[in-house]
PDB file of all heavy atoms in Angstrom:
ATOM      1  N   ALA A   1      17.415  34.685  16.034  1.00  0.00           N
ATOM      2  CA  ALA A   1      16.839  33.320  15.903  1.00  0.00           C
ATOM      3  C   ALA A   1      17.071  32.743  14.471  1.00  0.00           C
ATOM      4  O   ALA A   1      17.428  31.630  14.311  1.00  0.00           O
ATOM      5  CB  ALA A   1      15.397  33.280  16.302  1.00  0.00           C
ATOM      6  N   GLY A   2      16.784  33.653  13.508  1.00  0.00           N
ATOM      7  CA  GLY A   2      16.900  33.227  12.097  1.00  0.00           C
ATOM      8  C   GLY A   2      18.299  32.881  11.610  1.00  0.00           C
ATOM      9  O   GLY A   2      18.450  32.145  10.657  1.00  0.00           O
ATOM     10  N   ALA A   3      19.287  33.356  12.341  1.00  0.00           N
ATOM     11  CA  ALA A   3      20.701  33.128  11.941  1.00  0.00           C
ATOM     12  C   ALA A   3      21.218  31.755  12.380  1.00  0.00           C
ATOM     13  O   ALA A   3      22.320  31.356  12.028  1.00  0.00           O
ATOM     14  CB  ALA A   3      21.573  34.234  12.490  1.00  0.00           C
ATOM     15  N   VAL A   4      20.403  31.031  13.194  1.00  0.00           N
ATOM     16  CA  VAL A   4      20.812  29.698  13.616  1.00  0.00           C
ATOM     17  C   VAL A   4      20.984  28.797  12.357  1.00  0.00           C
ATOM     18  O   VAL A   4      20.072  28.715  11.578  1.00  0.00           O
ATOM     19  CB  VAL A   4      19.869  29.150  14.601  1.00  0.00           C
ATOM     20  CG1 VAL A   4      20.106  27.660  14.932  1.00  0.00           C
ATOM     21  CG2 VAL A   4      19.801  30.002  15.894  1.00  0.00           C
ATOM     22  N   PRO A   5      22.105  28.080  12.239  1.00  0.00           N
ATOM     23  CA  PRO A   5      22.291  27.241  11.104  1.00  0.00           C
ATOM     24  C   PRO A   5      21.552  25.887  11.254  1.00  0.00           C
ATOM     25  O   PRO A   5      21.332  25.396  12.371  1.00  0.00           O
ATOM     26  CB  PRO A   5      23.805  26.965  11.056  1.00  0.00           C
ATOM     27  CG  PRO A   5      24.231  27.186  12.441  1.00  0.00           C
ATOM     28  CD  PRO A   5      23.326  28.175  13.062  1.00  0.00           C
ATOM     29  N   ASP A   6      21.127  25.347  10.140  1.00  0.00           N
ATOM     30  CA  ASP A   6      20.547  24.020  10.116  1.00  0.00           C
ATOM     31  C   ASP A   6      21.683  23.016  10.437  1.00  0.00           C
ATOM     32  O   ASP A   6      22.734  23.065   9.767  1.00  0.00           O
ATOM     33  CB  ASP A   6      19.925  23.721   8.777  1.00  0.00           C
ATOM     34  CG  ASP A   6      19.294  22.357   8.701  1.00  0.00           C
ATOM     35  OD1 ASP A   6      19.995  21.372   8.382  1.00  0.00           O
ATOM     36  OD2 ASP A   6      18.100  22.224   9.009  1.00  0.00           O
ATOM     37  N   PRO A   7      21.501  22.111  11.414  1.00  0.00           N
ATOM     38  CA  PRO A   7      22.602  21.230  11.741  1.00  0.00           C
ATOM     39  C   PRO A   7      22.986  20.180  10.653  1.00  0.00           C
ATOM     40  O   PRO A   7      24.068  19.706  10.621  1.00  0.00           O
ATOM     41  CB  PRO A   7      22.102  20.468  13.004  1.00  0.00           C
ATOM     42  CG  PRO A   7      20.671  20.713  13.052  1.00  0.00           C
ATOM     43  CD  PRO A   7      20.345  21.952  12.213  1.00  0.00           C
ATOM     44  N   GLU A   8      22.040  19.896   9.772  1.00  0.00           N
ATOM     45  CA  GLU A   8      22.294  18.942   8.708  1.00  0.00           C
ATOM     46  C   GLU A   8      22.814  19.612   7.419  1.00  0.00           C
ATOM     47  O   GLU A   8      23.509  18.994   6.636  1.00  0.00           O
ATOM     48  CB  GLU A   8      20.992  18.161   8.304  1.00  0.00           C
ATOM     49  CG  GLU A   8      20.533  17.278   9.450  1.00  0.00           C
ATOM     50  CD  GLU A   8      19.226  16.597   9.180  1.00  0.00           C
ATOM     51  OE1 GLU A   8      18.424  17.050   8.379  1.00  0.00           O
ATOM     52  OE2 GLU A   8      19.055  15.465   9.747  1.00  0.00           O
ATOM     53  N   LEU A   9      22.495  20.888   7.271  1.00  0.00           N
ATOM     54  CA  LEU A   9      22.950  21.712   6.160  1.00  0.00           C
ATOM     55  C   LEU A   9      23.482  23.038   6.684  1.00  0.00           C
ATOM     56  O   LEU A   9      22.743  24.009   6.619  1.00  0.00           O
ATOM     57  CB  LEU A   9      21.784  21.910   5.155  1.00  0.00           C
ATOM     58  CG  LEU A   9      21.323  20.660   4.459  1.00  0.00           C
ATOM     59  CD1 LEU A   9      19.909  20.920   3.813  1.00  0.00           C
ATOM     60  CD2 LEU A   9      22.276  20.142   3.455  1.00  0.00           C
ATOM     61  N   PRO A  10      24.640  23.013   7.245  1.00  0.00           N
ATOM     62  CA  PRO A  10      25.124  24.250   7.932  1.00  0.00           C
ATOM     63  C   PRO A  10      25.345  25.438   6.998  1.00  0.00           C
ATOM     64  O   PRO A  10      25.556  26.549   7.546  1.00  0.00           O
ATOM     65  CB  PRO A  10      26.473  23.798   8.544  1.00  0.00           C
ATOM     66  CG  PRO A  10      26.847  22.600   7.762  1.00  0.00           C
ATOM     67  CD  PRO A  10      25.614  21.946   7.311  1.00  0.00           C
ATOM     68  N   VAL A  11      25.237  25.274   5.700  1.00  0.00           N
ATOM     69  CA  VAL A  11      25.312  26.483   4.847  1.00  0.00           C
ATOM     70  C   VAL A  11      23.939  27.233   4.810  1.00  0.00           C
ATOM     71  O   VAL A  11      23.843  28.288   4.197  1.00  0.00           O
ATOM     72  CB  VAL A  11      25.727  26.117   3.417  1.00  0.00           C
ATOM     73  CG1 VAL A  11      27.125  25.531   3.405  1.00  0.00           C
ATOM     74  CG2 VAL A  11      24.759  25.197   2.747  1.00  0.00           C
ATOM     75  N   LEU A  12      22.904  26.673   5.442  1.00  0.00           N
ATOM     76  CA  LEU A  12      21.601  27.320   5.479  1.00  0.00           C
ATOM     77  C   LEU A  12      21.243  27.770   6.841  1.00  0.00           C
ATOM     78  O   LEU A  12      21.501  27.022   7.809  1.00  0.00           O
ATOM     79  CB  LEU A  12      20.500  26.316   4.984  1.00  0.00           C
ATOM     80  CG  LEU A  12      20.664  25.780   3.603  1.00  0.00           C
ATOM     81  CD1 LEU A  12      19.459  24.866   3.340  1.00  0.00           C
ATOM     82  CD2 LEU A  12      20.714  26.906   2.568  1.00  0.00           C
ATOM     83  N   THR A  13      20.631  28.932   6.953  1.00  0.00           N
ATOM     84  CA  THR A  13      20.087  29.371   8.259  1.00  0.00           C
ATOM     85  C   THR A  13      18.629  28.861   8.293  1.00  0.00           C
ATOM     86  O   THR A  13      18.031  28.565   7.239  1.00  0.00           O
ATOM     87  CB  THR A  13      20.086  30.883   8.390  1.00  0.00           C
ATOM     88  OG1 THR A  13      19.194  31.428   7.470  1.00  0.00           O
ATOM     89  CG2 THR A  13      21.507  31.420   8.203  1.00  0.00           C
ATOM     90  N   ILE A  14      18.099  28.836   9.508  1.00  0.00           N
ATOM     91  CA  ILE A  14      16.713  28.402   9.592  1.00  0.00           C
ATOM     92  C   ILE A  14      15.780  29.410   8.951  1.00  0.00           C
ATOM     93  O   ILE A  14      14.676  29.054   8.549  1.00  0.00           O
ATOM     94  CB  ILE A  14      16.348  28.058  11.059  1.00  0.00           C
ATOM     95  CG1 ILE A  14      16.326  29.254  11.991  1.00  0.00           C
ATOM     96  CG2 ILE A  14      17.141  26.919  11.586  1.00  0.00           C
ATOM     97  CD1 ILE A  14      15.676  28.985  13.377  1.00  0.00           C
ATOM     98  N   ALA A  15      16.197  30.673   8.909  1.00  0.00           N
ATOM     99  CA  ALA A  15      15.368  31.655   8.219  1.00  0.00           C
ATOM    100  C   ALA A  15      15.366  31.404   6.712  1.00  0.00           C
ATOM    101  O   ALA A  15      14.322  31.410   6.075  1.00  0.00           O
ATOM    102  CB  ALA A  15      15.819  33.114   8.544  1.00  0.00           C
ATOM    103  N   ASP A  16      16.553  31.156   6.142  1.00  0.00           N
ATOM    104  CA  ASP A  16      16.645  30.914   4.704  1.00  0.00           C
ATOM    105  C   ASP A  16      15.993  29.567   4.317  1.00  0.00           C
ATOM    106  O   ASP A  16      15.361  29.455   3.273  1.00  0.00           O
ATOM    107  CB  ASP A  16      18.108  30.879   4.230  1.00  0.00           C
ATOM    108  CG  ASP A  16      18.605  32.272   3.963  1.00  0.00           C
ATOM    109  OD1 ASP A  16      17.810  33.236   3.787  1.00  0.00           O
ATOM    110  OD2 ASP A  16      19.840  32.435   3.953  1.00  0.00           O
ATOM    111  N   LEU A  17      16.032  28.604   5.238  1.00  0.00           N
ATOM    112  CA  LEU A  17      15.378  27.306   4.960  1.00  0.00           C
ATOM    113  C   LEU A  17      13.862  27.452   5.076  1.00  0.00           C
ATOM    114  O   LEU A  17      13.159  26.712   4.442  1.00  0.00           O
ATOM    115  CB  LEU A  17      15.898  26.235   5.992  1.00  0.00           C
ATOM    116  CG  LEU A  17      15.493  24.816   5.822  1.00  0.00           C
ATOM    117  CD1 LEU A  17      15.842  24.316   4.406  1.00  0.00           C
ATOM    118  CD2 LEU A  17      16.158  23.968   6.849  1.00  0.00           C
ATOM    119  N   GLY A  18      13.419  28.469   5.772  1.00  0.00           N
ATOM    120  CA  GLY A  18      11.996  28.731   5.874  1.00  0.00           C
ATOM    121  C   GLY A  18      11.280  28.023   7.014  1.00  0.00           C
ATOM    122  O   GLY A  18      10.050  27.918   7.025  1.00  0.00           O
ATOM    123  N   ILE A  19      12.031  27.513   7.997  1.00  0.00           N
ATOM    124  CA  ILE A  19      11.376  26.848   9.079  1.00  0.00           C
ATOM    125  C   ILE A  19      11.111  27.783  10.271  1.00  0.00           C
ATOM    126  O   ILE A  19      10.394  27.412  11.194  1.00  0.00           O
ATOM    127  CB  ILE A  19      12.144  25.616   9.592  1.00  0.00           C
ATOM    128  CG1 ILE A  19      13.485  25.933  10.161  1.00  0.00           C
ATOM    129  CG2 ILE A  19      12.287  24.573   8.434  1.00  0.00           C
ATOM    130  CD1 ILE A  19      14.149  24.725  10.788  1.00  0.00           C
ATOM    131  N   LEU A  20      11.693  29.016  10.228  1.00  0.00           N
ATOM    132  CA  LEU A  20      11.432  29.986  11.277  1.00  0.00           C
ATOM    133  C   LEU A  20      10.050  30.644  10.902  1.00  0.00           C
ATOM    134  O   LEU A  20       9.949  31.242   9.875  1.00  0.00           O
ATOM    135  CB  LEU A  20      12.459  31.044  11.316  1.00  0.00           C
ATOM    136  CG  LEU A  20      12.210  32.160  12.346  1.00  0.00           C
ATOM    137  CD1 LEU A  20      12.231  31.674  13.769  1.00  0.00           C
ATOM    138  CD2 LEU A  20      13.264  33.289  12.132  1.00  0.00           C
ATOM    139  N   ARG A  21       9.053  30.399  11.670  1.00  0.00           N
ATOM    140  CA  ARG A  21       7.673  30.812  11.347  1.00  0.00           C
ATOM    141  C   ARG A  21       7.316  32.179  12.019  1.00  0.00           C
ATOM    142  O   ARG A  21       6.740  33.005  11.417  1.00  0.00           O
ATOM    143  CB  ARG A  21       6.696  29.778  11.810  1.00  0.00           C
ATOM    144  CG  ARG A  21       6.597  28.593  10.805  1.00  0.00           C
ATOM    145  CD  ARG A  21       6.192  29.178   9.460  1.00  0.00           C
ATOM    146  NE  ARG A  21       6.070  28.212   8.427  1.00  0.00           N
ATOM    147  CZ  ARG A  21       5.141  27.235   8.339  1.00  0.00           C
ATOM    148  NH1 ARG A  21       4.232  27.078   9.268  1.00  0.00           N
ATOM    149  NH2 ARG A  21       5.146  26.451   7.329  1.00  0.00           N
ATOM    150  N   ASP A  22       7.589  32.334  13.339  1.00  0.00           N
ATOM    151  CA  ASP A  22       7.147  33.495  14.001  1.00  0.00           C
ATOM    152  C   ASP A  22       8.013  33.764  15.225  1.00  0.00           C
ATOM    153  O   ASP A  22       8.571  32.833  15.766  1.00  0.00           O
ATOM    154  CB  ASP A  22       5.696  33.338  14.428  1.00  0.00           C
ATOM    155  CG  ASP A  22       5.037  34.682  14.818  1.00  0.00           C
ATOM    156  OD1 ASP A  22       5.563  35.789  14.472  1.00  0.00           O
ATOM    157  OD2 ASP A  22       4.017  34.620  15.567  1.00  0.00           O
ATOM    158  N   VAL A  23       8.137  35.011  15.560  1.00  0.00           N
ATOM    159  CA  VAL A  23       8.837  35.411  16.777  1.00  0.00           C
ATOM    160  C   VAL A  23       7.913  36.440  17.430  1.00  0.00           C
ATOM    161  O   VAL A  23       7.243  37.276  16.801  1.00  0.00           O
ATOM    162  CB  VAL A  23      10.226  36.001  16.611  1.00  0.00           C
ATOM    163  CG1 VAL A  23      11.142  35.000  15.919  1.00  0.00           C
ATOM    164  CG2 VAL A  23      10.204  37.245  15.758  1.00  0.00           C
ATOM    165  N   ARG A  24       7.869  36.443  18.796  1.00  0.00           N
ATOM    166  CA  ARG A  24       7.136  37.362  19.516  1.00  0.00           C
ATOM    167  C   ARG A  24       7.624  37.419  20.970  1.00  0.00           C
ATOM    168  O   ARG A  24       8.358  36.543  21.380  1.00  0.00           O
ATOM    169  CB  ARG A  24       5.630  37.074  19.493  1.00  0.00           C
ATOM    170  CG  ARG A  24       5.275  35.762  20.085  1.00  0.00           C
ATOM    171  CD  ARG A  24       3.862  35.319  19.705  1.00  0.00           C
ATOM    172  NE  ARG A  24       3.693  33.881  20.019  1.00  0.00           N
ATOM    173  CZ  ARG A  24       4.098  32.872  19.332  1.00  0.00           C
ATOM    174  NH1 ARG A  24       4.687  33.119  18.156  1.00  0.00           N
ATOM    175  NH2 ARG A  24       3.898  31.674  19.645  1.00  0.00           N
ATOM    176  N   ILE A  25       7.252  38.466  21.670  1.00  0.00           N
ATOM    177  CA  ILE A  25       7.590  38.527  23.090  1.00  0.00           C
ATOM    178  C   ILE A  25       6.272  38.571  23.856  1.00  0.00           C
ATOM    179  O   ILE A  25       5.452  39.470  23.636  1.00  0.00           O
ATOM    180  CB  ILE A  25       8.435  39.779  23.412  1.00  0.00           C
ATOM    181  CG1 ILE A  25       9.777  39.642  22.641  1.00  0.00           C
ATOM    182  CG2 ILE A  25       8.697  39.917  24.866  1.00  0.00           C
ATOM    183  CD1 ILE A  25      10.679  40.836  22.699  1.00  0.00           C
ATOM    184  N   VAL A  26       6.107  37.630  24.705  1.00  0.00           N
ATOM    185  CA  VAL A  26       4.840  37.429  25.455  1.00  0.00           C
ATOM    186  C   VAL A  26       5.194  37.497  26.968  1.00  0.00           C
ATOM    187  O   VAL A  26       5.889  36.623  27.429  1.00  0.00           O
ATOM    188  CB  VAL A  26       4.119  36.135  25.072  1.00  0.00           C
ATOM    189  CG1 VAL A  26       2.843  35.973  25.949  1.00  0.00           C
ATOM    190  CG2 VAL A  26       3.799  36.040  23.666  1.00  0.00           C
ATOM    191  N   GLY A  27       4.682  38.515  27.646  1.00  0.00           N
ATOM    192  CA  GLY A  27       4.974  38.601  29.050  1.00  0.00           C
ATOM    193  C   GLY A  27       6.460  38.678  29.360  1.00  0.00           C
ATOM    194  O   GLY A  27       6.911  38.113  30.375  1.00  0.00           O
ATOM    195  N   GLY A  28       7.254  39.286  28.532  1.00  0.00           N
ATOM    196  CA  GLY A  28       8.675  39.408  28.722  1.00  0.00           C
ATOM    197  C   GLY A  28       9.494  38.208  28.239  1.00  0.00           C
ATOM    198  O   GLY A  28      10.728  38.180  28.350  1.00  0.00           O
ATOM    199  N   THR A  29       8.844  37.166  27.740  1.00  0.00           N
ATOM    200  CA  THR A  29       9.547  35.942  27.305  1.00  0.00           C
ATOM    201  C   THR A  29       9.495  35.866  25.768  1.00  0.00           C
ATOM    202  O   THR A  29       8.415  36.057  25.169  1.00  0.00           O
ATOM    203  CB  THR A  29       8.888  34.669  27.862  1.00  0.00           C
ATOM    204  OG1 THR A  29       8.953  34.721  29.286  1.00  0.00           O
ATOM    205  CG2 THR A  29       9.569  33.416  27.357  1.00  0.00           C
ATOM    206  N   ALA A  30      10.638  35.697  25.163  1.00  0.00           N
ATOM    207  CA  ALA A  30      10.743  35.477  23.742  1.00  0.00           C
ATOM    208  C   ALA A  30      10.142  34.127  23.356  1.00  0.00           C
ATOM    209  O   ALA A  30      10.452  33.108  23.983  1.00  0.00           O
ATOM    210  CB  ALA A  30      12.118  35.568  23.252  1.00  0.00           C
ATOM    211  N   GLU A  31       9.234  34.118  22.376  1.00  0.00           N
ATOM    212  CA  GLU A  31       8.725  32.906  21.850  1.00  0.00           C
ATOM    213  C   GLU A  31       9.061  32.790  20.406  1.00  0.00           C
ATOM    214  O   GLU A  31       8.899  33.709  19.675  1.00  0.00           O
ATOM    215  CB  GLU A  31       7.174  32.848  22.054  1.00  0.00           C
ATOM    216  CG  GLU A  31       6.784  32.643  23.446  1.00  0.00           C
ATOM    217  CD  GLU A  31       5.315  32.310  23.614  1.00  0.00           C
ATOM    218  OE1 GLU A  31       4.655  31.969  22.591  1.00  0.00           O
ATOM    219  OE2 GLU A  31       4.817  32.379  24.715  1.00  0.00           O
ATOM    220  N   ILE A  32       9.512  31.622  19.975  1.00  0.00           N
ATOM    221  CA  ILE A  32       9.911  31.395  18.633  1.00  0.00           C
ATOM    222  C   ILE A  32       9.175  30.150  18.082  1.00  0.00           C
ATOM    223  O   ILE A  32       9.229  29.105  18.785  1.00  0.00           O
ATOM    224  CB  ILE A  32      11.450  31.194  18.514  1.00  0.00           C
ATOM    225  CG1 ILE A  32      12.190  32.497  18.865  1.00  0.00           C
ATOM    226  CG2 ILE A  32      11.849  30.806  17.080  1.00  0.00           C
ATOM    227  CD1 ILE A  32      12.667  32.513  20.293  1.00  0.00           C
ATOM    228  N   ASP A  33       8.530  30.272  16.985  1.00  0.00           N
ATOM    229  CA  ASP A  33       7.798  29.166  16.358  1.00  0.00           C
ATOM    230  C   ASP A  33       8.643  28.636  15.195  1.00  0.00           C
ATOM    231  O   ASP A  33       9.071  29.443  14.337  1.00  0.00           O
ATOM    232  CB  ASP A  33       6.434  29.586  15.843  1.00  0.00           C
ATOM    233  CG  ASP A  33       5.474  29.971  16.931  1.00  0.00           C
ATOM    234  OD1 ASP A  33       5.745  29.666  18.099  1.00  0.00           O
ATOM    235  OD2 ASP A  33       4.442  30.585  16.639  1.00  0.00           O
ATOM    236  N   ILE A  34       8.806  27.295  15.111  1.00  0.00           N
ATOM    237  CA  ILE A  34       9.532  26.669  14.028  1.00  0.00           C
ATOM    238  C   ILE A  34       8.670  25.526  13.507  1.00  0.00           C
ATOM    239  O   ILE A  34       7.900  24.953  14.244  1.00  0.00           O
ATOM    240  CB  ILE A  34      10.944  26.240  14.442  1.00  0.00           C
ATOM    241  CG1 ILE A  34      10.880  25.277  15.659  1.00  0.00           C
ATOM    242  CG2 ILE A  34      11.884  27.411  14.675  1.00  0.00           C
ATOM    243  CD1 ILE A  34      12.233  24.706  16.041  1.00  0.00           C
ATOM    244  N   THR A  35       8.870  25.192  12.259  1.00  0.00           N
ATOM    245  CA  THR A  35       8.195  24.065  11.612  1.00  0.00           C
ATOM    246  C   THR A  35       9.214  23.109  11.076  1.00  0.00           C
ATOM    247  O   THR A  35      10.122  23.537  10.347  1.00  0.00           O
ATOM    248  CB  THR A  35       7.302  24.612  10.507  1.00  0.00           C
ATOM    249  OG1 THR A  35       6.333  25.478  11.063  1.00  0.00           O
ATOM    250  CG2 THR A  35       6.621  23.493   9.761  1.00  0.00           C
ATOM    251  N   PRO A  36       9.059  21.829  11.323  1.00  0.00           N
ATOM    252  CA  PRO A  36      10.046  20.822  10.816  1.00  0.00           C
ATOM    253  C   PRO A  36       9.858  20.739   9.300  1.00  0.00           C
ATOM    254  O   PRO A  36       8.757  20.952   8.731  1.00  0.00           O
ATOM    255  CB  PRO A  36       9.646  19.563  11.478  1.00  0.00           C
ATOM    256  CG  PRO A  36       8.244  19.743  11.884  1.00  0.00           C
ATOM    257  CD  PRO A  36       8.017  21.208  12.133  1.00  0.00           C
ATOM    258  N   THR A  37      10.968  20.348   8.624  1.00  0.00           N
ATOM    259  CA  THR A  37      10.875  20.125   7.205  1.00  0.00           C
ATOM    260  C   THR A  37      10.017  18.900   6.871  1.00  0.00           C
ATOM    261  O   THR A  37       9.453  18.847   5.770  1.00  0.00           O
ATOM    262  CB  THR A  37      12.228  19.973   6.548  1.00  0.00           C
ATOM    263  OG1 THR A  37      12.929  18.880   7.232  1.00  0.00           O
ATOM    264  CG2 THR A  37      13.053  21.266   6.629  1.00  0.00           C
ATOM    265  N   TYR A  38       9.919  18.006   7.809  1.00  0.00           N
ATOM    266  CA  TYR A  38       9.032  16.860   7.723  1.00  0.00           C
ATOM    267  C   TYR A  38       8.760  16.291   9.097  1.00  0.00           C
ATOM    268  O   TYR A  38       9.562  16.519   9.979  1.00  0.00           O
ATOM    269  CB  TYR A  38       9.479  15.775   6.753  1.00  0.00           C
ATOM    270  CG  TYR A  38      10.727  15.024   7.230  1.00  0.00           C
ATOM    271  CD1 TYR A  38      10.604  13.787   7.890  1.00  0.00           C
ATOM    272  CD2 TYR A  38      12.006  15.485   6.933  1.00  0.00           C
ATOM    273  CE1 TYR A  38      11.720  13.161   8.344  1.00  0.00           C
ATOM    274  CE2 TYR A  38      13.107  14.832   7.378  1.00  0.00           C
ATOM    275  CZ  TYR A  38      12.995  13.638   8.062  1.00  0.00           C
ATOM    276  OH  TYR A  38      14.083  12.985   8.460  1.00  0.00           O
ATOM    277  N   SER A  39       7.590  15.700   9.360  1.00  0.00           N
ATOM    278  CA  SER A  39       7.307  15.163  10.653  1.00  0.00           C
ATOM    279  C   SER A  39       8.364  14.175  11.074  1.00  0.00           C
ATOM    280  O   SER A  39       8.737  13.338  10.294  1.00  0.00           O
ATOM    281  CB  SER A  39       5.892  14.493  10.630  1.00  0.00           C
ATOM    282  OG  SER A  39       4.925  15.452  10.411  1.00  0.00           O
ATOM    283  N   GLY A  40       8.795  14.301  12.269  1.00  0.00           N
ATOM    284  CA  GLY A  40       9.818  13.365  12.769  1.00  0.00           C
ATOM    285  C   GLY A  40      11.227  13.756  12.400  1.00  0.00           C
ATOM    286  O   GLY A  40      12.189  12.980  12.634  1.00  0.00           O
ATOM    287  N   CYS A  41      11.466  14.997  11.923  1.00  0.00           N
ATOM    288  CA  CYS A  41      12.810  15.433  11.514  1.00  0.00           C
ATOM    289  C   CYS A  41      13.722  15.406  12.770  1.00  0.00           C
ATOM    290  O   CYS A  41      13.472  16.029  13.755  1.00  0.00           O
ATOM    291  CB  CYS A  41      12.762  16.837  10.955  1.00  0.00           C
ATOM    292  SG  CYS A  41      14.401  17.544  10.611  1.00  0.00           S
ATOM    293  N   PRO A  42      14.801  14.579  12.750  1.00  0.00           N
ATOM    294  CA  PRO A  42      15.624  14.442  13.909  1.00  0.00           C
ATOM    295  C   PRO A  42      16.446  15.704  14.233  1.00  0.00           C
ATOM    296  O   PRO A  42      17.000  15.816  15.315  1.00  0.00           O
ATOM    297  CB  PRO A  42      16.536  13.272  13.525  1.00  0.00           C
ATOM    298  CG  PRO A  42      16.600  13.307  12.090  1.00  0.00           C
ATOM    299  CD  PRO A  42      15.248  13.784  11.609  1.00  0.00           C
TER     300      PRO A  42
END
């Protein structure tokens, strides 16, 4: 999940950008939490 590039800044991954917040597996389903760099980020 963290290796996904930011679409506006493809030299950054979402992990390096710091928007990847949490990953977990709940009931066999992967859940990934992300935070926008600002509200309304397209």
